[in-house]
Structures are given as structure tokens and as C-alpha cells.
Amino acid sequence: MLVTTTPNIEGKRIVKYLGLVTGEAILGANIFKDFFAGIRDIVGGRSAAYEEELRKAKDIAITEMQQQARDLGANAVIGVDLDYETVGQSGGMLMVSASGTAVYIEG
């Protein structure tokens, strides 16, 4: 399934707009990853543990959105927007939401 942030697909004609589709993922970062990420933040560098969690959450959210689109009979999702948030009192959970418009394209 084609997924794009653009409102149209060059060279393709949108035959039918099927509606808004969404996907969400909330993942908890465990205490050991938090601890080592904190150390890395102090000494500098990137936090690979958090980057991996964010990638996983993004993939889950997009996959859910695509499944919702398939259920509507779509073969593409346009205008996709990804949002990243921390959830919970201590911010120990990561949330990614994906939303877009399910469409059926020709060609």
C-alpha cells in the first residue's frame, strides 16, 4: 500500500476518497533503557534505546493505519501526519499517532 504525506500522488488519479484512517501505538520504555539513556544524555550522544522505541511505535501506528485503510477498500493513504508525544505522569511512555486519508487510486 502506498503511504504518502502529500495530498496527491503524481501520475495517479484518485478515484475515490474513503475517509480518515488512524493508527496509534503507546510503548513503555523500561527502567534500564531509561537509566542508560540518562547516562548517555549526560555524556552526550544519541539515545539508541529511545530511537529504537520511537521507530517501533511509528511502524506499529502506520501498520494499524494501513490495515484500517485496507478494511475500507483503499490501496493508498495520502496526507499522512505523524505525531509524537510522551504519556503518563513521569513521561515514561511514548505515543505515536498516524492519520491520513484512505483513497483508491488508478494505475
Protein backbone atom coordinates (compact mmCIF):
# COMPACT_ATOMS: atom_id res chain seq x y z
CA MET A 1 0.00 0.00 0.00
CA LEU A 2 1.29 3.43 -0.94
CA VAL A 3 1.54 5.83 2.03
CA THR A 4 2.50 9.46 1.48
CA THR A 5 2.45 12.78 3.31
CA THR A 6 1.45 14.60 0.12
CA PRO A 7 -2.19 15.39 -0.76
CA ASN A 8 -1.95 13.66 -4.14
CA ILE A 9 0.18 11.13 -5.98
CA GLU A 10 1.92 12.31 -9.12
CA GLY A 11 0.86 10.33 -12.17
CA LYS A 12 -2.01 8.64 -10.35
CA ARG A 13 -5.67 9.56 -10.35
CA ILE A 14 -7.60 9.34 -7.09
CA VAL A 15 -10.85 7.57 -7.97
CA LYS A 16 -12.43 7.52 -4.53
CA TYR A 17 -11.86 9.12 -1.14
CA LEU A 18 -12.74 6.56 1.53
CA GLY A 19 -12.27 8.54 4.72
CA LEU A 20 -9.96 9.29 7.60
CA VAL A 21 -7.82 6.46 8.93
CA THR A 22 -5.68 6.41 12.06
CA GLY A 23 -3.27 4.24 13.95
CA GLU A 24 -1.83 4.63 17.41
CA ALA A 25 0.92 3.00 19.41
CA ILE A 26 1.89 3.53 23.02
CA LEU A 27 5.07 1.84 24.20
CA GLY A 28 6.70 1.96 27.60
CA ALA A 29 10.42 2.45 27.86
CA ASN A 30 11.73 0.15 30.58
CA ILE A 31 13.71 1.33 33.57
CA PHE A 32 17.07 0.00 32.31
CA LYS A 33 16.73 1.79 28.98
CA ASP A 34 15.74 4.96 30.88
CA PHE A 35 18.80 4.64 33.12
CA PHE A 36 21.27 4.14 30.28
CA ALA A 37 19.59 6.81 28.16
CA GLY A 38 20.04 9.22 31.09
CA ILE A 39 23.75 8.41 31.28
CA ARG A 40 24.15 8.88 27.55
CA ASP A 41 22.33 12.23 27.78
CA ILE A 42 24.80 13.36 30.46
CA VAL A 43 27.91 12.42 28.48
CA GLY A 44 26.41 13.35 25.12
CA GLY A 45 25.47 11.34 22.09
CA ARG A 46 22.30 9.78 20.83
CA SER A 47 19.99 7.58 22.84
CA ALA A 48 19.71 4.45 20.69
CA ALA A 49 17.24 2.85 23.11
CA TYR A 50 14.72 5.66 22.72
CA GLU A 51 15.31 5.93 18.98
CA GLU A 52 14.50 2.23 18.61
CA GLU A 53 11.34 2.57 20.71
CA LEU A 54 10.21 5.51 18.58
CA ARG A 55 10.85 3.56 15.36
CA LYS A 56 8.84 0.61 16.69
CA ALA A 57 5.95 2.84 17.75
CA LYS A 58 5.94 4.61 14.36
CA ASP A 59 5.89 1.30 12.48
CA ILE A 60 3.01 -0.02 14.61
CA ALA A 61 0.96 3.18 14.13
CA ILE A 62 1.49 3.18 10.35
CA THR A 63 0.68 -0.53 10.09
CA GLU A 64 -2.58 -0.02 12.02
CA MET A 65 -3.48 2.91 9.79
CA GLN A 66 -2.78 0.86 6.65
CA GLN A 67 -4.95 -2.01 7.93
CA GLN A 68 -7.81 0.38 8.60
CA ALA A 69 -7.42 1.71 5.04
CA ARG A 70 -7.40 -1.84 3.58
CA ASP A 71 -10.59 -2.61 5.50
CA LEU A 72 -12.21 0.34 3.69
CA GLY A 73 -11.03 -0.94 0.29
CA ALA A 74 -8.20 1.59 -0.15
CA ASN A 75 -4.94 0.99 -1.95
CA ALA A 76 -3.23 4.19 -0.73
CA VAL A 77 -3.21 6.66 2.15
CA ILE A 78 -2.49 10.32 1.43
CA GLY A 79 -1.88 13.37 3.60
CA VAL A 80 -0.29 11.29 6.36
CA ASP A 81 0.63 13.10 9.56
CA LEU A 82 2.73 11.58 12.36
CA ASP A 83 2.57 12.94 15.90
CA TYR A 84 4.91 12.01 18.76
CA GLU A 85 4.02 12.53 22.43
CA THR A 86 5.05 11.36 25.88
CA VAL A 87 2.25 9.94 28.01
CA GLY A 88 1.90 9.43 31.74
CA GLN A 89 2.82 11.42 34.78
CA SER A 90 6.52 10.69 34.52
CA GLY A 91 6.55 10.74 30.71
CA GLY A 92 7.70 7.12 30.74
CA MET A 93 5.54 6.07 27.81
CA LEU A 94 5.89 7.03 24.18
CA MET A 95 2.88 7.56 21.92
CA VAL A 96 2.90 7.83 18.16
CA SER A 97 -0.25 8.52 16.18
CA ALA A 98 -0.58 8.36 12.41
CA SER A 99 -3.52 9.75 10.47
CA GLY A 100 -4.30 10.19 6.82
CA THR A 101 -6.97 9.87 4.13
CA ALA A 102 -7.68 6.45 2.67
CA VAL A 103 -8.10 6.57 -1.11
CA TYR A 104 -8.43 4.27 -4.09
CA ILE A 105 -6.10 5.19 -6.95
CA GLU A 106 -6.00 4.08 -10.58
CA GLY A 107 -2.92 2.82 -12.35
